[in-house]
Each structure stands twice: as structure tokens, then as C-alpha cells.
């Protein structure tokens, strides 16, 4: 009989997911982007001691931090986000 199993995720991918969650990314969103299951990401984060925030907490933190920025800082943040998206697409 043959076994159907998926090989383990590479350590580099695991570390990247943990770092992104530590920066405030949502595990469910990352699972959609990178094709790994969100419970795997949660497990890796727990093992690394990285707290996982809910989607609502992440959204609130993002909106509250932007509200406290000056107009110049807000503009710079928007430009940097656009650059980051371009780099991620490459």
C-alpha cells in the first residue's frame, strides 16, 4: 500500500511565517498567500512563543496607528506599502 502524505514544510518557510505573524500578519491570510494550512502556522508560532492576534485586533491596531500619524508620515507609509507590494509581486 502506498502512503499519501505531504512532505514537511521547509524550515525557511516556517521561520518566515513566524516572523510575519510576529509583525502582525493574520495566519489565515498567510495560509491563503503561501499555500500552507493556518493551523500549521499557529503551531509554529506557539512553538516559537509568538502570540497570535485575532484579525479584528490586527485591523484595529492598523487603523489606530495610522490615525496618529502626521500627513507626511501617512503619505510616506502609503508609498512604502506600494513599494512593498511591488517587491512582493516580483
N, C-alpha and C. Protein backbone atom coordinates (compact mmCIF):
# COMPACT_ATOMS: atom_id res chain seq x y z
N UNK A 1 0.83 -1.18 0.00
CA UNK A 1 0.00 0.00 0.00
C UNK A 1 0.88 1.25 0.00
N UNK A 2 0.50 2.26 -0.75
CA UNK A 2 1.28 3.50 -0.78
C UNK A 2 0.67 4.50 0.19
N UNK A 3 1.52 5.30 0.75
CA UNK A 3 1.06 6.33 1.66
C UNK A 3 0.95 7.65 0.92
N UNK A 4 -0.12 8.37 1.18
CA UNK A 4 -0.27 9.71 0.63
C UNK A 4 -0.03 10.70 1.75
N UNK A 5 1.08 11.35 1.71
CA UNK A 5 1.38 12.37 2.71
C UNK A 5 2.10 13.53 2.04
N UNK A 6 1.99 14.66 2.67
CA UNK A 6 2.66 15.86 2.16
C UNK A 6 3.98 15.99 2.91
N UNK A 7 5.07 16.22 2.19
CA UNK A 7 6.36 16.40 2.87
C UNK A 7 6.31 17.60 3.82
N UNK A 8 7.16 17.57 4.82
CA UNK A 8 7.22 18.66 5.79
C UNK A 8 7.56 19.97 5.10
N UNK A 9 7.01 21.05 5.65
CA UNK A 9 7.33 22.37 5.11
C UNK A 9 8.79 22.69 5.41
N UNK A 10 9.47 23.37 4.49
CA UNK A 10 10.88 23.72 4.73
C UNK A 10 11.04 24.63 5.95
N UNK A 11 12.12 24.50 6.67
CA UNK A 11 12.35 25.34 7.85
C UNK A 11 12.33 26.83 7.52
N UNK A 12 12.79 27.19 6.32
CA UNK A 12 12.81 28.60 5.92
C UNK A 12 11.38 29.16 5.84
N UNK A 13 10.46 28.36 5.30
CA UNK A 13 9.06 28.78 5.20
C UNK A 13 8.45 28.93 6.59
N UNK A 14 8.74 27.98 7.45
CA UNK A 14 8.22 28.05 8.83
C UNK A 14 8.70 29.32 9.52
N UNK A 15 9.99 29.60 9.40
CA UNK A 15 10.56 30.78 10.04
C UNK A 15 9.95 32.05 9.47
N UNK A 16 9.76 32.10 8.16
CA UNK A 16 9.17 33.27 7.52
C UNK A 16 7.75 33.49 8.02
N UNK A 17 6.97 32.44 8.16
CA UNK A 17 5.59 32.56 8.64
C UNK A 17 5.57 33.09 10.07
N UNK A 18 6.46 32.58 10.91
CA UNK A 18 6.53 33.03 12.30
C UNK A 18 6.90 34.51 12.36
N UNK A 19 7.86 34.92 11.54
CA UNK A 19 8.27 36.33 11.52
C UNK A 19 7.13 37.23 11.05
N UNK A 20 6.39 36.79 10.04
CA UNK A 20 5.28 37.60 9.53
C UNK A 20 4.16 37.73 10.56
N UNK A 21 3.88 36.65 11.28
CA UNK A 21 2.86 36.71 12.33
C UNK A 21 3.34 37.65 13.44
N UNK A 22 4.62 37.59 13.77
CA UNK A 22 5.18 38.47 14.80
C UNK A 22 5.04 39.94 14.39
N UNK A 23 5.05 40.19 13.08
CA UNK A 23 4.89 41.56 12.58
C UNK A 23 3.42 41.98 12.50
N UNK A 24 2.52 41.04 12.81
CA UNK A 24 1.11 41.39 12.85
C UNK A 24 0.24 40.80 11.75
N UNK A 25 0.80 39.96 10.91
CA UNK A 25 0.01 39.34 9.85
C UNK A 25 -0.91 38.27 10.43
N UNK A 26 -2.03 38.04 9.77
CA UNK A 26 -3.01 37.05 10.19
C UNK A 26 -2.63 35.68 9.61
N UNK A 27 -2.60 34.62 10.44
CA UNK A 27 -2.25 33.29 9.94
C UNK A 27 -3.17 32.81 8.82
N UNK A 28 -4.45 33.13 8.89
CA UNK A 28 -5.36 32.67 7.84
C UNK A 28 -5.04 33.34 6.50
N UNK A 29 -4.69 34.62 6.54
CA UNK A 29 -4.32 35.32 5.31
C UNK A 29 -3.01 34.76 4.75
N UNK A 30 -2.06 34.51 5.63
CA UNK A 30 -0.78 33.94 5.19
C UNK A 30 -0.98 32.55 4.59
N UNK A 31 -1.89 31.78 5.15
CA UNK A 31 -2.13 30.44 4.61
C UNK A 31 -2.68 30.51 3.19
N UNK A 32 -3.50 31.51 2.92
CA UNK A 32 -4.02 31.68 1.56
C UNK A 32 -2.91 32.12 0.60
N UNK A 33 -2.05 33.01 1.07
CA UNK A 33 -0.96 33.53 0.23
C UNK A 33 0.10 32.46 -0.08
N UNK A 34 0.47 31.67 0.93
CA UNK A 34 1.61 30.78 0.78
C UNK A 34 1.24 29.31 0.61
N UNK A 35 -0.05 28.97 0.74
CA UNK A 35 -0.49 27.62 0.47
C UNK A 35 -0.21 26.60 1.56
N UNK A 36 -0.03 27.04 2.78
CA UNK A 36 0.10 26.09 3.88
C UNK A 36 -1.10 26.29 4.82
N UNK A 37 -1.42 25.28 5.59
CA UNK A 37 -2.61 25.35 6.43
C UNK A 37 -2.39 26.30 7.60
N UNK A 38 -3.45 27.04 7.96
CA UNK A 38 -3.28 28.04 9.00
C UNK A 38 -3.01 27.42 10.38
N UNK A 39 -3.49 26.21 10.62
CA UNK A 39 -3.18 25.57 11.91
C UNK A 39 -1.69 25.22 12.01
N UNK A 40 -1.06 24.96 10.86
CA UNK A 40 0.38 24.72 10.88
C UNK A 40 1.10 26.00 11.31
N UNK A 41 0.67 27.13 10.75
CA UNK A 41 1.28 28.42 11.11
C UNK A 41 1.08 28.69 12.60
N UNK A 42 -0.12 28.43 13.10
CA UNK A 42 -0.40 28.64 14.52
C UNK A 42 0.50 27.76 15.39
N UNK A 43 0.69 26.53 14.97
CA UNK A 43 1.55 25.60 15.72
C UNK A 43 2.99 26.10 15.75
N UNK A 44 3.49 26.55 14.60
CA UNK A 44 4.87 27.07 14.54
C UNK A 44 5.03 28.29 15.43
N UNK A 45 4.02 29.15 15.44
CA UNK A 45 4.08 30.37 16.25
C UNK A 45 4.07 30.03 17.74
N UNK A 46 3.21 29.11 18.12
CA UNK A 46 3.17 28.69 19.53
C UNK A 46 4.52 28.11 19.96
N UNK A 47 5.10 27.30 19.09
CA UNK A 47 6.40 26.69 19.40
C UNK A 47 7.49 27.75 19.54
N UNK A 48 7.37 28.83 18.77
CA UNK A 48 8.37 29.90 18.82
C UNK A 48 8.04 30.94 19.89
N UNK A 49 6.88 30.80 20.54
CA UNK A 49 6.50 31.75 21.58
C UNK A 49 5.98 33.07 21.02
N UNK A 50 5.49 33.05 19.79
CA UNK A 50 4.97 34.26 19.16
C UNK A 50 3.46 34.30 19.36
N UNK A 51 2.94 35.35 20.00
CA UNK A 51 1.50 35.44 20.20
C UNK A 51 0.76 35.69 18.87
N UNK A 52 -0.42 35.11 18.76
CA UNK A 52 -1.24 35.28 17.56
C UNK A 52 -2.42 36.17 17.91
N UNK A 53 -2.52 37.29 17.22
CA UNK A 53 -3.63 38.20 17.45
C UNK A 53 -4.77 37.88 16.50
N UNK A 54 -5.97 38.22 16.92
CA UNK A 54 -7.13 37.99 16.06
C UNK A 54 -7.12 38.98 14.90
N UNK A 55 -7.88 38.69 13.87
CA UNK A 55 -7.98 39.58 12.70
C UNK A 55 -8.51 40.94 13.10
N UNK A 56 -9.47 40.97 14.03
CA UNK A 56 -10.04 42.23 14.48
C UNK A 56 -9.01 43.08 15.21
N UNK A 57 -8.19 42.45 16.04
CA UNK A 57 -7.15 43.18 16.77
C UNK A 57 -6.11 43.74 15.81
N UNK A 58 -5.78 42.98 14.78
CA UNK A 58 -4.82 43.44 13.79
C UNK A 58 -5.38 44.64 13.03
N UNK A 59 -6.64 44.56 12.62
CA UNK A 59 -7.28 45.66 11.89
C UNK A 59 -7.35 46.90 12.76
N UNK A 60 -7.70 46.75 14.03
CA UNK A 60 -7.78 47.90 14.93
C UNK A 60 -6.41 48.53 15.13
N UNK A 61 -5.40 47.71 15.32
CA UNK A 61 -4.04 48.23 15.52
C UNK A 61 -3.59 49.00 14.29
N UNK A 62 -3.91 48.50 13.11
CA UNK A 62 -3.51 49.16 11.87
C UNK A 62 -4.20 50.51 11.72
N UNK A 63 -5.49 50.57 12.00
CA UNK A 63 -6.22 51.83 11.83
C UNK A 63 -5.86 52.83 12.91
N UNK A 64 -5.65 52.38 14.14
CA UNK A 64 -5.33 53.32 15.21
C UNK A 64 -3.93 53.90 15.05
N UNK A 65 -2.98 53.11 14.53
CA UNK A 65 -1.62 53.64 14.36
C UNK A 65 -1.56 54.63 13.20
N UNK A 66 -2.35 54.40 12.15
CA UNK A 66 -2.37 55.32 11.02
C UNK A 66 -3.02 56.64 11.42
N UNK A 67 -4.01 56.59 12.29
CA UNK A 67 -4.71 57.80 12.70
C UNK A 67 -3.80 58.75 13.47
N UNK A 68 -2.79 58.22 14.15
CA UNK A 68 -1.90 59.06 14.95
C UNK A 68 -0.72 59.61 14.15
N UNK A 69 -0.66 59.32 12.86
CA UNK A 69 0.44 59.80 12.02
C UNK A 69 0.14 61.18 11.47
N UNK A 70 1.20 61.93 11.22
CA UNK A 70 1.04 63.22 10.55
C UNK A 70 0.75 62.97 9.07
N UNK A 71 0.37 64.01 8.36
CA UNK A 71 0.05 63.87 6.93
C UNK A 71 1.26 63.37 6.14
N UNK A 72 2.44 63.90 6.45
CA UNK A 72 3.66 63.47 5.76
C UNK A 72 3.99 62.00 6.05
N UNK A 73 3.83 61.62 7.31
CA UNK A 73 4.11 60.23 7.69
C UNK A 73 3.11 59.28 7.03
N UNK A 74 1.86 59.69 6.98
CA UNK A 74 0.83 58.87 6.35
C UNK A 74 1.14 58.67 4.87
N UNK A 75 1.55 59.75 4.20
CA UNK A 75 1.90 59.68 2.77
C UNK A 75 3.09 58.75 2.56
N UNK A 76 4.10 58.89 3.40
CA UNK A 76 5.27 58.03 3.30
C UNK A 76 4.91 56.56 3.53
N UNK A 77 4.03 56.31 4.50
CA UNK A 77 3.58 54.96 4.77
C UNK A 77 2.87 54.36 3.56
N UNK A 78 2.01 55.12 2.93
CA UNK A 78 1.31 54.65 1.74
C UNK A 78 2.27 54.32 0.61
N UNK A 79 3.26 55.18 0.40
CA UNK A 79 4.26 54.95 -0.64
C UNK A 79 5.08 53.68 -0.36
N UNK A 80 5.46 53.50 0.90
CA UNK A 80 6.23 52.32 1.27
C UNK A 80 5.42 51.04 1.11
N UNK A 81 4.14 51.10 1.43
CA UNK A 81 3.28 49.93 1.24
C UNK A 81 3.17 49.57 -0.24
N UNK A 82 3.07 50.59 -1.10
CA UNK A 82 3.01 50.34 -2.54
C UNK A 82 4.31 49.69 -3.02
N UNK A 83 5.44 50.21 -2.56
CA UNK A 83 6.74 49.63 -2.94
C UNK A 83 6.85 48.19 -2.46
N UNK A 84 6.39 47.93 -1.24
CA UNK A 84 6.45 46.58 -0.69
C UNK A 84 5.61 45.62 -1.53
N UNK A 85 4.44 46.03 -1.93
CA UNK A 85 3.60 45.17 -2.77
C UNK A 85 4.28 44.86 -4.10
N UNK A 86 4.93 45.87 -4.68
CA UNK A 86 5.65 45.63 -5.94
C UNK A 86 6.76 44.63 -5.75
N UNK A 87 7.52 44.78 -4.65
CA UNK A 87 8.63 43.86 -4.38
C UNK A 87 8.09 42.46 -4.12
N UNK A 88 6.99 42.33 -3.40
CA UNK A 88 6.41 41.02 -3.12
C UNK A 88 5.93 40.34 -4.39
N UNK A 89 5.48 41.12 -5.36
CA UNK A 89 4.97 40.57 -6.62
C UNK A 89 6.10 40.01 -7.48
N UNK A 90 7.32 40.54 -7.31
CA UNK A 90 8.46 40.13 -8.13
C UNK A 90 8.99 38.78 -7.75
